[in-house]
PDB file of N, CA and C in Angstrom:
ATOM      1  N   MET A   1       0.461 -36.355 -16.771  1.00  0.00           N
ATOM      2  CA  MET A   1       0.980 -34.860 -17.620  1.00  0.00           C
ATOM      3  C   MET A   1       1.656 -34.164 -16.134  1.00  0.00           C
ATOM      4  N   THR A   2       2.771 -33.164 -16.820  1.00  0.00           N
ATOM      5  CA  THR A   2       3.226 -32.227 -15.503  1.00  0.00           C
ATOM      6  C   THR A   2       3.125 -31.265 -15.884  1.00  0.00           C
ATOM      7  N   ARG A   3       2.948 -30.156 -15.694  1.00  0.00           N
ATOM      8  CA  ARG A   3       3.310 -28.663 -15.417  1.00  0.00           C
ATOM      9  C   ARG A   3       4.294 -28.149 -14.846  1.00  0.00           C
ATOM     10  N   PRO A   4       4.944 -27.149 -15.804  1.00  0.00           N
ATOM     11  CA  PRO A   4       6.178 -26.902 -15.091  1.00  0.00           C
ATOM     12  C   PRO A   4       5.948 -26.110 -13.879  1.00  0.00           C
ATOM     13  N   GLY A   5       7.145 -26.563 -12.734  1.00  0.00           N
ATOM     14  CA  GLY A   5       7.122 -25.968 -11.919  1.00  0.00           C
ATOM     15  C   GLY A   5       7.357 -24.089 -11.455  1.00  0.00           C
ATOM     16  N   PRO A   6       7.213 -24.021 -10.149  1.00  0.00           N
ATOM     17  CA  PRO A   6       7.479 -22.758 -10.036  1.00  0.00           C
ATOM     18  C   PRO A   6       8.514 -22.451 -10.317  1.00  0.00           C
ATOM     19  N   ARG A   7       8.750 -20.550 -10.581  1.00  0.00           N
ATOM     20  CA  ARG A   7       9.942 -19.747 -11.241  1.00  0.00           C
ATOM     21  C   ARG A   7      10.658 -19.928  -9.625  1.00  0.00           C
ATOM     22  N   VAL A   8      11.643 -20.124  -9.626  1.00  0.00           N
ATOM     23  CA  VAL A   8      12.652 -19.985  -8.363  1.00  0.00           C
ATOM     24  C   VAL A   8      13.415 -18.781  -8.571  1.00  0.00           C
ATOM     25  N   ILE A   9      13.455 -17.857  -7.363  1.00  0.00           N
ATOM     26  CA  ILE A   9      14.363 -16.776  -7.275  1.00  0.00           C
ATOM     27  C   ILE A   9      15.563 -17.076  -7.135  1.00  0.00           C
ATOM     28  N   ARG A  10      16.401 -16.124  -7.815  1.00  0.00           N
ATOM     29  CA  ARG A  10      18.076 -16.499  -7.280  1.00  0.00           C
ATOM     30  C   ARG A  10      18.562 -15.189  -7.239  1.00  0.00           C
ATOM     31  N   LEU A  11      20.051 -15.636  -6.806  1.00  0.00           N
ATOM     32  CA  LEU A  11      20.988 -14.459  -6.234  1.00  0.00           C
ATOM     33  C   LEU A  11      20.917 -13.687  -8.081  1.00  0.00           C
ATOM     34  N   GLY A  12      20.799 -12.392  -7.817  1.00  0.00           N
ATOM     35  CA  GLY A  12      20.699 -11.393  -8.919  1.00  0.00           C
ATOM     36  C   GLY A  12      19.412 -11.025  -9.581  1.00  0.00           C
ATOM     37  N   ASP A  13      18.612 -11.866  -9.405  1.00  0.00           N
ATOM     38  CA  ASP A  13      17.248 -11.724  -9.800  1.00  0.00           C
ATOM     39  C   ASP A  13      16.678 -10.368  -9.368  1.00  0.00           C
ATOM     40  N   PRO A  14      16.297  -9.456 -10.670  1.00  0.00           N
ATOM     41  CA  PRO A  14      15.372  -8.596 -10.466  1.00  0.00           C
ATOM     42  C   PRO A  14      14.328  -8.412  -9.810  1.00  0.00           C
ATOM     43  N   THR A  15      13.761  -6.815  -9.098  1.00  0.00           N
ATOM     44  CA  THR A  15      12.826  -6.706  -8.721  1.00  0.00           C
ATOM     45  C   THR A  15      11.987  -5.679  -9.671  1.00  0.00           C
ATOM     46  N   GLU A  16      10.472  -5.470  -9.438  1.00  0.00           N
ATOM     47  CA  GLU A  16       9.665  -4.605 -10.025  1.00  0.00           C
ATOM     48  C   GLU A  16      10.037  -3.380  -9.701  1.00  0.00           C
ATOM     49  N   HIS A  17      11.049  -2.947  -8.871  1.00  0.00           N
ATOM     50  CA  HIS A  17      11.260  -1.677  -8.426  1.00  0.00           C
ATOM     51  C   HIS A  17      12.794  -1.084  -9.409  1.00  0.00           C
ATOM     52  N   GLY A  18      12.830  -1.906  -9.796  1.00  0.00           N
ATOM     53  CA  GLY A  18      14.831  -1.993 -10.227  1.00  0.00           C
ATOM     54  C   GLY A  18      15.890  -2.411  -9.586  1.00  0.00           C
ATOM     55  N   GLY A  19      15.551  -3.246  -8.531  1.00  0.00           N
ATOM     56  CA  GLY A  19      16.706  -3.694  -7.562  1.00  0.00           C
ATOM     57  C   GLY A  19      16.460  -4.935  -8.103  1.00  0.00           C
ATOM     58  N   ALA A  20      17.399  -5.766  -6.964  1.00  0.00           N
ATOM     59  CA  ALA A  20      18.140  -7.241  -7.221  1.00  0.00           C
ATOM     60  C   ALA A  20      18.338  -7.833  -6.139  1.00  0.00           C
ATOM     61  N   VAL A  21      17.771  -9.236  -6.011  1.00  0.00           N
ATOM     62  CA  VAL A  21      18.512 -10.055  -4.829  1.00  0.00           C
ATOM     63  C   VAL A  21      19.729  -9.874  -4.974  1.00  0.00           C
ATOM     64  N   VAL A  22      20.748  -9.351  -3.663  1.00  0.00           N
ATOM     65  CA  VAL A  22      22.002  -9.443  -3.557  1.00  0.00           C
ATOM     66  C   VAL A  22      22.594 -10.158  -2.466  1.00  0.00           C
ATOM     67  N   GLN A  23      21.870 -10.802  -1.259  1.00  0.00           N
ATOM     68  CA  GLN A  23      22.611 -11.830  -1.067  1.00  0.00           C
ATOM     69  C   GLN A  23      21.880 -13.145  -0.529  1.00  0.00           C
ATOM     70  N   THR A  24      22.263 -14.221  -0.715  1.00  0.00           N
ATOM     71  CA  THR A  24      21.345 -15.153   0.075  1.00  0.00           C
ATOM     72  C   THR A  24      21.971 -15.779   0.767  1.00  0.00           C
ATOM     73  N   SER A  25      21.235 -16.549   1.669  1.00  0.00           N
ATOM     74  CA  SER A  25      22.260 -17.296   3.134  1.00  0.00           C
ATOM     75  C   SER A  25      22.110 -18.982   2.948  1.00  0.00           C
ATOM     76  N   ALA A  26      21.435 -19.038   1.784  1.00  0.00           N
ATOM     77  CA  ALA A  26      22.208 -20.646   1.215  1.00  0.00           C
ATOM     78  C   ALA A  26      22.760 -21.039  -0.239  1.00  0.00           C
ATOM     79  N   PRO A  27      24.183 -20.440  -0.207  1.00  0.00           N
ATOM     80  CA  PRO A  27      24.803 -20.477  -1.339  1.00  0.00           C
ATOM     81  C   PRO A  27      25.424 -21.077  -1.493  1.00  0.00           C
ATOM     82  N   ASN A  28      25.025 -22.886  -1.398  1.00  0.00           N
ATOM     83  CA  ASN A  28      25.676 -23.880  -1.652  1.00  0.00           C
ATOM     84  C   ASN A  28      24.295 -24.362  -2.275  1.00  0.00           C
ATOM     85  N   PHE A  29      22.696 -23.939  -2.119  1.00  0.00           N
ATOM     86  CA  PHE A  29      21.723 -24.545  -2.921  1.00  0.00           C
ATOM     87  C   PHE A  29      21.648 -24.125  -4.419  1.00  0.00           C
ATOM     88  N   LYS A  30      21.894 -24.358  -5.193  1.00  0.00           N
ATOM     89  CA  LYS A  30      21.808 -23.815  -6.519  1.00  0.00           C
ATOM     90  C   LYS A  30      20.922 -24.428  -7.442  1.00  0.00           C
ATOM     91  N   VAL A  31      20.392 -23.615  -8.545  1.00  0.00           N
ATOM     92  CA  VAL A  31      19.764 -23.427  -9.383  1.00  0.00           C
ATOM     93  C   VAL A  31      20.351 -23.508 -11.184  1.00  0.00           C
ATOM     94  N   ASN A  32      20.904 -23.993 -11.725  1.00  0.00           N
ATOM     95  CA  ASN A  32      21.473 -23.624 -12.791  1.00  0.00           C
ATOM     96  C   ASN A  32      22.918 -23.120 -12.573  1.00  0.00           C
ATOM     97  N   GLY A  33      23.559 -23.520 -11.769  1.00  0.00           N
ATOM     98  CA  GLY A  33      25.027 -22.783 -11.125  1.00  0.00           C
ATOM     99  C   GLY A  33      24.706 -21.579 -10.259  1.00  0.00           C
ATOM    100  N   VAL A  34      23.389 -21.220 -10.051  1.00  0.00           N
ATOM    101  CA  VAL A  34      23.346 -19.799  -9.174  1.00  0.00           C
ATOM    102  C   VAL A  34      22.422 -19.955  -7.780  1.00  0.00           C
ATOM    103  N   ALA A  35      23.285 -19.731  -7.254  1.00  0.00           N
ATOM    104  CA  ALA A  35      22.230 -19.760  -5.184  1.00  0.00           C
ATOM    105  C   ALA A  35      21.001 -19.394  -5.254  1.00  0.00           C
ATOM    106  N   VAL A  36      19.696 -20.052  -4.556  1.00  0.00           N
ATOM    107  CA  VAL A  36      18.733 -19.917  -4.957  1.00  0.00           C
ATOM    108  C   VAL A  36      18.315 -18.676  -3.883  1.00  0.00           C
ATOM    109  N   ALA A  37      17.222 -17.855  -3.569  1.00  0.00           N
ATOM    110  CA  ALA A  37      17.092 -16.793  -2.590  1.00  0.00           C
ATOM    111  C   ALA A  37      15.957 -17.366  -1.515  1.00  0.00           C
ATOM    112  N   ARG A  38      16.134 -17.360  -0.560  1.00  0.00           N
ATOM    113  CA  ARG A  38      14.866 -17.514   0.688  1.00  0.00           C
ATOM    114  C   ARG A  38      14.575 -16.455   1.680  1.00  0.00           C
ATOM    115  N   LYS A  39      13.303 -17.019   1.633  1.00  0.00           N
ATOM    116  CA  LYS A  39      12.392 -15.665   2.769  1.00  0.00           C
ATOM    117  C   LYS A  39      13.766 -15.186   3.784  1.00  0.00           C
ATOM    118  N   GLY A  40      13.841 -13.677   3.773  1.00  0.00           N
ATOM    119  CA  GLY A  40      14.651 -13.264   4.836  1.00  0.00           C
ATOM    120  C   GLY A  40      16.229 -12.510   4.077  1.00  0.00           C
ATOM    121  N   ASP A  41      15.896 -13.280   2.712  1.00  0.00           N
ATOM    122  CA  ASP A  41      17.586 -12.892   1.586  1.00  0.00           C
ATOM    123  C   ASP A  41      17.374 -11.204   1.500  1.00  0.00           C
ATOM    124  N   ARG A  42      18.470 -10.915   1.340  1.00  0.00           N
ATOM    125  CA  ARG A  42      18.856  -9.520   0.923  1.00  0.00           C
ATOM    126  C   ARG A  42      18.409  -9.146  -0.253  1.00  0.00           C
ATOM    127  N   CYS A  43      17.955  -7.644  -0.515  1.00  0.00           N
ATOM    128  CA  CYS A  43      17.939  -7.384  -2.084  1.00  0.00           C
ATOM    129  C   CYS A  43      17.748  -5.732  -1.404  1.00  0.00           C
ATOM    130  N   SER A  44      18.251  -5.346  -3.256  1.00  0.00           N
ATOM    131  CA  SER A  44      18.350  -3.541  -3.194  1.00  0.00           C
ATOM    132  C   SER A  44      17.030  -3.080  -3.708  1.00  0.00           C
ATOM    133  N   CYS A  45      17.032  -1.644  -3.625  1.00  0.00           N
ATOM    134  CA  CYS A  45      15.683  -1.144  -4.036  1.00  0.00           C
ATOM    135  C   CYS A  45      16.215  -0.076  -4.374  1.00  0.00           C
ATOM    136  N   PRO A  46      16.385   1.065  -5.884  1.00  0.00           N
ATOM    137  CA  PRO A  46      16.713   2.501  -5.888  1.00  0.00           C
ATOM    138  C   PRO A  46      15.905   3.589  -5.240  1.00  0.00           C
ATOM    139  N   ARG A  47      14.143   3.141  -4.994  1.00  0.00           N
ATOM    140  CA  ARG A  47      13.628   3.967  -4.320  1.00  0.00           C
ATOM    141  C   ARG A  47      13.870   4.536  -3.610  1.00  0.00           C
ATOM    142  N   GLU A  48      13.974   5.997  -3.262  1.00  0.00           N
ATOM    143  CA  GLU A  48      14.566   6.583  -1.893  1.00  0.00           C
ATOM    144  C   GLU A  48      13.218   5.727  -0.957  1.00  0.00           C
ATOM    145  N   GLY A  49      14.401   5.460  -0.023  1.00  0.00           N
ATOM    146  CA  GLY A  49      13.462   5.192   1.714  1.00  0.00           C
ATOM    147  C   GLY A  49      12.828   3.827   1.513  1.00  0.00           C
ATOM    148  N   HIS A  50      14.103   3.128   0.857  1.00  0.00           N
ATOM    149  CA  HIS A  50      13.497   1.658   0.372  1.00  0.00           C
ATOM    150  C   HIS A  50      15.014   0.581   0.636  1.00  0.00           C
ATOM    151  N   GLN A  51      15.798   1.170   1.054  1.00  0.00           N
ATOM    152  CA  GLN A  51      17.071   1.016   1.372  1.00  0.00           C
ATOM    153  C   GLN A  51      16.914  -1.084   2.682  1.00  0.00           C
ATOM    154  N   ASP A  52      17.856  -1.511   2.393  1.00  0.00           N
ATOM    155  CA  ASP A  52      17.671  -2.202   3.817  1.00  0.00           C
ATOM    156  C   ASP A  52      16.799  -3.579   2.911  1.00  0.00           C
ATOM    157  N   CYS A  53      16.548  -3.218   1.915  1.00  0.00           N
ATOM    158  CA  CYS A  53      15.116  -4.619   1.750  1.00  0.00           C
ATOM    159  C   CYS A  53      15.437  -5.846   1.978  1.00  0.00           C
ATOM    160  N   VAL A  54      14.683  -6.928   2.659  1.00  0.00           N
ATOM    161  CA  VAL A  54      14.237  -8.404   2.439  1.00  0.00           C
ATOM    162  C   VAL A  54      13.543  -8.654   1.844  1.00  0.00           C
ATOM    163  N   ILE A  55      13.414 -10.486   1.381  1.00  0.00           N
ATOM    164  CA  ILE A  55      12.405 -10.807   1.093  1.00  0.00           C
ATOM    165  C   ILE A  55      11.517 -11.295   1.871  1.00  0.00           C
ATOM    166  N   ILE A  56      10.315 -11.231   1.949  1.00  0.00           N
ATOM    167  CA  ILE A  56       8.764 -11.238   3.355  1.00  0.00           C
ATOM    168  C   ILE A  56       8.201 -12.799   2.937  1.00  0.00           C
ATOM    169  N   GLU A  57       8.574 -13.049   1.378  1.00  0.00           N
ATOM    170  CA  GLU A  57       7.662 -14.157   1.461  1.00  0.00           C
ATOM    171  C   GLU A  57       8.601 -15.657   0.737  1.00  0.00           C
ATOM    172  N   GLY A  58       8.309 -16.698   0.806  1.00  0.00           N
ATOM    173  CA  GLY A  58       8.916 -17.986   0.477  1.00  0.00           C
ATOM    174  C   GLY A  58       7.194 -18.728   0.435  1.00  0.00           C
ATOM    175  N   ASP A  59       7.567 -19.868   0.143  1.00  0.00           N
ATOM    176  CA  ASP A  59       6.470 -20.968  -0.373  1.00  0.00           C
ATOM    177  C   ASP A  59       6.908 -22.274   0.565  1.00  0.00           C
ATOM    178  N   GLU A  60       6.281 -22.359   1.844  1.00  0.00           N
ATOM    179  CA  GLU A  60       6.091 -23.107   2.681  1.00  0.00           C
ATOM    180  C   GLU A  60       6.400 -24.870   2.474  1.00  0.00           C
ATOM    181  N   HIS A  61       6.364 -24.876   0.918  1.00  0.00           N
ATOM    182  CA  HIS A  61       6.497 -26.169   0.583  1.00  0.00           C
ATOM    183  C   HIS A  61       7.848 -26.968  -0.171  1.00  0.00           C
ATOM    184  N   PHE A  62       8.116 -25.680  -0.098  1.00  0.00           N
ATOM    185  CA  PHE A  62       9.919 -25.730  -0.517  1.00  0.00           C
ATOM    186  C   PHE A  62      10.949 -24.936   0.353  1.00  0.00           C
ATOM    187  N   LYS A  63      11.681 -25.596   0.868  1.00  0.00           N
ATOM    188  CA  LYS A  63      12.314 -25.070   2.180  1.00  0.00           C
ATOM    189  C   LYS A  63      13.695 -25.471   1.920  1.00  0.00           C
ATOM    190  N   VAL A  64      14.857 -24.748   2.039  1.00  0.00           N
ATOM    191  CA  VAL A  64      16.043 -25.157   2.139  1.00  0.00           C
ATOM    192  C   VAL A  64      16.786 -24.832   3.817  1.00  0.00           C
ATOM    193  N   GLY A  65      17.244 -25.819   4.503  1.00  0.00           N
ATOM    194  CA  GLY A  65      17.311 -25.425   5.820  1.00  0.00           C
ATOM    195  C   GLY A  65      15.980 -25.179   6.958  1.00  0.00           C
ATOM    196  N   GLY A  66      14.872 -25.388   6.125  1.00  0.00           N
ATOM    197  CA  GLY A  66      14.237 -24.840   7.413  1.00  0.00           C
ATOM    198  C   GLY A  66      13.340 -23.621   7.108  1.00  0.00           C
ATOM    199  N   VAL A  67      14.186 -23.003   5.427  1.00  0.00           N
ATOM    200  CA  VAL A  67      13.324 -21.663   5.378  1.00  0.00           C
ATOM    201  C   VAL A  67      12.991 -21.587   3.742  1.00  0.00           C
ATOM    202  N   PRO A  68      12.036 -20.816   3.557  1.00  0.00           N
ATOM    203  CA  PRO A  68      11.089 -20.741   2.593  1.00  0.00           C
ATOM    204  C   PRO A  68      11.994 -20.440   1.423  1.00  0.00           C
ATOM    205  N   ILE A  69      11.780 -21.118   0.309  1.00  0.00           N
ATOM    206  CA  ILE A  69      12.451 -20.421  -0.787  1.00  0.00           C
ATOM    207  C   ILE A  69      11.665 -19.403  -1.554  1.00  0.00           C
ATOM    208  N   ALA A  70      12.078 -18.385  -1.859  1.00  0.00           N
ATOM    209  CA  ALA A  70      11.424 -17.229  -2.899  1.00  0.00           C
ATOM    210  C   ALA A  70      10.652 -17.786  -4.438  1.00  0.00           C
ATOM    211  N   PHE A  71       9.889 -17.477  -4.670  1.00  0.00           N
ATOM    212  CA  PHE A  71       9.815 -17.786  -5.769  1.00  0.00           C
ATOM    213  C   PHE A  71       8.725 -16.477  -6.859  1.00  0.00           C
ATOM    214  N   GLU A  72       8.658 -16.755  -7.965  1.00  0.00           N
ATOM    215  CA  GLU A  72       8.417 -15.399  -9.151  1.00  0.00           C
ATOM    216  C   GLU A  72       7.200 -14.486  -8.358  1.00  0.00           C
ATOM    217  N   GLY A  73       6.809 -13.696  -8.262  1.00  0.00           N
ATOM    218  CA  GLY A  73       5.142 -12.867  -7.561  1.00  0.00           C
ATOM    219  C   GLY A  73       5.593 -12.742  -5.993  1.00  0.00           C
ATOM    220  N   HIS A  74       6.396 -13.515  -5.420  1.00  0.00           N
ATOM    221  CA  HIS A  74       6.479 -12.851  -4.336  1.00  0.00           C
ATOM    222  C   HIS A  74       7.337 -11.363  -3.879  1.00  0.00           C
ATOM    223  N   LYS A  75       7.199 -10.921  -3.028  1.00  0.00           N
ATOM    224  CA  LYS A  75       7.169  -9.817  -2.724  1.00  0.00           C
ATOM    225  C   LYS A  75       8.348  -9.329  -1.561  1.00  0.00           C
ATOM    226  N   THR A  76       8.917  -8.269  -1.546  1.00  0.00           N
ATOM    227  CA  THR A  76       9.704  -7.780  -0.605  1.00  0.00           C
ATOM    228  C   THR A  76       9.473  -6.959   0.277  1.00  0.00           C
ATOM    229  N   SER A  77      10.177  -6.298   1.700  1.00  0.00           N
ATOM    230  CA  SER A  77       9.736  -5.826   2.375  1.00  0.00           C
ATOM    231  C   SER A  77       9.605  -3.803   2.273  1.00  0.00           C
ATOM    232  N   CYS A  78       9.902  -3.824   0.919  1.00  0.00           N
ATOM    233  CA  CYS A  78       9.509  -2.334   0.004  1.00  0.00           C
ATOM    234  C   CYS A  78       8.162  -2.710  -0.732  1.00  0.00           C
ATOM    235  N   GLY A  79       8.102  -3.601  -0.719  1.00  0.00           N
ATOM    236  CA  GLY A  79       6.993  -3.552  -1.460  1.00  0.00           C
ATOM    237  C   GLY A  79       6.710  -4.301  -3.108  1.00  0.00           C
ATOM    238  N   ALA A  80       7.867  -4.491  -3.384  1.00  0.00           N
ATOM    239  CA  ALA A  80       8.526  -4.860  -4.773  1.00  0.00           C
ATOM    240  C   ALA A  80       8.303  -6.448  -5.273  1.00  0.00           C
ATOM    241  N   THR A  81       7.745  -6.679  -6.290  1.00  0.00           N
ATOM    242  CA  THR A  81       7.799  -8.118  -6.436  1.00  0.00           C
ATOM    243  C   THR A  81       8.918  -9.108  -7.467  1.00  0.00           C
ATOM    244  N   LEU A  82       8.985  -9.813  -6.864  1.00  0.00           N
ATOM    245  CA  LEU A  82      10.385 -10.588  -7.363  1.00  0.00           C
ATOM    246  C   LEU A  82      10.134 -10.879  -8.561  1.00  0.00           C
ATOM    247  N   THR A  83      11.084 -11.366  -9.222  1.00  0.00           N
ATOM    248  CA  THR A  83      10.925 -11.478 -10.877  1.00  0.00           C
ATOM    249  C   THR A  83      12.299 -12.544 -11.300  1.00  0.00           C
ATOM    250  N   ALA A  84      11.697 -13.919 -11.437  1.00  0.00           N
ATOM    251  CA  ALA A  84      12.642 -14.873 -12.161  1.00  0.00           C
ATOM    252  C   ALA A  84      13.608 -14.777 -13.169  1.00  0.00           C
ATOM    253  N   THR A  85      14.509 -15.089 -13.417  1.00  0.00           N
ATOM    254  CA  THR A  85      15.344 -14.888 -14.638  1.00  0.00           C
ATOM    255  C   THR A  85      15.763 -17.030 -15.221  1.00  0.00           C
ATOM    256  N   VAL A  86      15.128 -17.664 -14.747  1.00  0.00           N
ATOM    257  CA  VAL A  86      15.297 -19.087 -15.156  1.00  0.00           C
ATOM    258  C   VAL A  86      13.547 -19.756 -15.141  1.00  0.00           C
ATOM    259  N   ALA A  87      13.435 -20.535 -16.291  1.00  0.00           N
ATOM    260  CA  ALA A  87      12.122 -20.951 -16.764  1.00  0.00           C
ATOM    261  C   ALA A  87      11.758 -21.614 -15.634  1.00  0.00           C
ATOM    262  N   SER A  88      12.154 -22.402 -14.968  1.00  0.00           N
ATOM    263  CA  SER A  88      11.210 -23.453 -13.462  1.00  0.00           C
ATOM    264  C   SER A  88      12.429 -24.005 -12.798  1.00  0.00           C
ATOM    265  N   PHE A  89      11.553 -24.301 -11.748  1.00  0.00           N
ATOM    266  CA  PHE A  89      12.511 -25.398 -10.872  1.00  0.00           C
ATOM    267  C   PHE A  89      11.858 -26.403 -10.492  1.00  0.00           C
ATOM    268  N   GLY A  90      11.387 -26.790 -11.683  1.00  0.00           N
ATOM    269  CA  GLY A  90      11.123 -28.560 -11.913  1.00  0.00           C
ATOM    270  C   GLY A  90       9.399 -28.760 -12.069  1.00  0.00           C
ATOM    271  N   THR A  91       8.956 -29.848 -11.667  1.00  0.00           N
ATOM    272  CA  THR A  91       7.619 -29.890 -11.444  1.00  0.00           C
ATOM    273  C   THR A  91       6.840 -29.851 -10.699  1.00  0.00           C
ATOM    274  N   ARG A  92       5.806 -29.677 -10.539  1.00  0.00           N
ATOM    275  CA  ARG A  92       4.696 -30.081  -9.659  1.00  0.00           C
ATOM    276  C   ARG A  92       3.430 -31.182  -9.849  1.00  0.00           C
TER     277      ARG A  92
END
């Protein structure tokens, strides 16, 4: 029996602070036609003092170009949690 895989973060996915992933560094690796986000990719945050945020977490078991892919629940440099808009990345 397989279980749903992790929920991958992609370009445009939201954060709990009301921001979103705004730039990915692996534009050719896509899930459902949208580029996946990796550790170090840029995100926006509308909260004062939270400009120039980046994703600071990624899963070491899933990498693109040696850089960990971000999944739902991972954090940004401003402390926001990432939220996925796609059901799953596959199965584990």
